[in-house]
Protein backbone atom coordinates (compact mmCIF):
# COMPACT_ATOMS: atom_id res chain seq x y z
CA UNK A 1 -33.00 125.78 215.61
CA UNK A 2 -36.24 124.81 213.92
CA UNK A 3 -39.56 126.60 214.22
CA UNK A 4 -42.18 125.29 216.63
CA UNK A 5 -45.26 123.46 215.36
CA UNK A 6 -48.60 122.93 217.14
CA UNK A 7 -47.95 119.18 217.19
CA UNK A 8 -44.70 119.57 219.18
CA UNK A 9 -44.40 118.50 222.78
CA UNK A 10 -42.25 120.33 225.31
CA UNK A 11 -38.68 119.28 226.08
CA UNK A 12 -39.87 118.55 229.62
CA UNK A 13 -42.51 116.12 228.31
CA UNK A 14 -39.91 114.55 226.04
CA UNK A 15 -37.56 113.91 228.96
CA UNK A 16 -40.28 111.68 230.47
CA UNK A 17 -40.39 109.41 227.42
CA UNK A 18 -36.73 109.51 226.37
CA UNK A 19 -35.84 106.35 228.35
CA UNK A 20 -38.66 104.48 226.59
CA UNK A 21 -37.44 105.55 223.16
CA UNK A 22 -33.78 104.97 224.00
CA UNK A 23 -34.53 101.34 224.89
CA UNK A 24 -34.82 100.57 221.16
CA UNK A 25 -31.27 101.73 220.52
CA UNK A 26 -28.59 99.23 219.77
CA UNK A 27 -25.17 100.46 220.81
CA UNK A 28 -23.66 101.56 217.53
CA UNK A 29 -22.10 104.74 216.31
CA UNK A 30 -23.07 108.00 218.03
CA UNK A 31 -26.46 109.43 217.08
CA UNK A 32 -26.30 112.38 214.70
CA UNK A 33 -29.90 113.59 215.08
CA UNK A 34 -31.76 115.05 218.03
CA UNK A 35 -34.38 112.49 219.10
CA UNK A 36 -36.62 115.33 220.22
CA UNK A 37 -36.76 116.66 216.65
CA UNK A 38 -37.32 113.14 215.29
CA UNK A 39 -40.20 112.55 217.72
CA UNK A 40 -41.77 115.94 216.97
CA UNK A 41 -41.47 115.19 213.25
CA UNK A 42 -43.27 111.92 213.82
CA UNK A 43 -46.00 113.72 215.80
CA UNK A 44 -46.32 116.22 212.94
CA UNK A 45 -46.99 113.42 210.45
CA UNK A 46 -49.44 111.68 212.80
CA UNK A 47 -51.34 114.88 213.53
CA UNK A 48 -51.45 116.38 210.04
CA UNK A 49 -51.64 113.17 208.02
CA UNK A 50 -49.08 114.53 205.57
CA UNK A 51 -47.01 112.18 203.45
CA UNK A 52 -43.59 111.33 204.83
CA UNK A 53 -41.90 113.08 201.92
CA UNK A 54 -43.87 116.24 202.70
CA UNK A 55 -42.40 116.56 206.20
CA UNK A 56 -41.17 120.17 206.57
CA UNK A 57 -37.46 120.48 205.91
CA UNK A 58 -36.64 121.92 209.32
CA UNK A 59 -37.26 118.45 210.83
CA UNK A 60 -34.65 115.73 210.32
CA UNK A 61 -34.78 114.06 206.89
CA UNK A 62 -38.07 112.27 206.29
CA UNK A 63 -36.30 108.93 205.82
CA UNK A 64 -34.75 109.29 209.28
CA UNK A 65 -38.07 110.09 210.95
CA UNK A 66 -39.74 107.25 209.03
CA UNK A 67 -37.01 104.83 210.08
CA UNK A 68 -37.47 105.70 213.76
CA UNK A 69 -41.24 105.40 213.34
CA UNK A 70 -40.84 101.82 212.13
CA UNK A 71 -38.35 100.97 214.86
CA UNK A 72 -40.55 102.45 217.60
CA UNK A 73 -43.69 100.79 216.16
CA UNK A 74 -42.41 97.22 216.45
CA UNK A 75 -44.58 95.19 218.81
CA UNK A 76 -43.20 93.46 221.90
CA UNK A 77 -44.38 90.13 223.36
CA UNK A 78 -47.46 91.77 224.85
CA UNK A 79 -48.44 93.47 221.59
CA UNK A 80 -47.36 96.97 222.61
CA UNK A 81 -44.92 99.24 220.82
CA UNK A 82 -42.49 101.76 222.27
CA UNK A 83 -44.42 104.46 220.42
CA UNK A 84 -47.70 103.41 222.08
CA UNK A 85 -46.03 103.43 225.49
CA UNK A 86 -44.49 106.87 224.90
CA UNK A 87 -47.73 108.42 223.62
CA UNK A 88 -49.67 106.90 226.52
CA UNK A 89 -47.19 108.29 229.05
CA UNK A 90 -47.43 111.79 227.53
CA UNK A 91 -51.24 111.72 227.49
CA UNK A 92 -51.42 110.46 231.09
CA UNK A 93 -49.06 113.21 232.23
CA UNK A 94 -51.00 115.96 230.46
CA UNK A 95 -54.31 114.60 231.79
CA UNK A 96 -52.95 114.79 235.35
CA UNK A 97 -51.79 118.36 234.79
CA UNK A 98 -55.26 119.38 233.60
CA UNK A 99 -57.02 118.05 236.71
CA UNK A 100 -57.84 120.69 239.35
């Protein structure tokens, strides 16, 4: 188990966006990494601005996180990426939770 970082989202939040992220998957061999850790690693890089190679070692390998970042950043016909959709869904959910 890895340590928690301020950039992490909860597992509950991640369950909301998992179907979005899974839609990029081509049916190949079984996944060997936890997508939650990959996504949190990606959030860590986006929030801290660190170089990919400086990603803390308790996340999956930086090349793996970077590979998913590129896959999730590909634009669809409308000019949106899976990453944009996932981040938007998380921010909408947290904004609703903050409303009285």
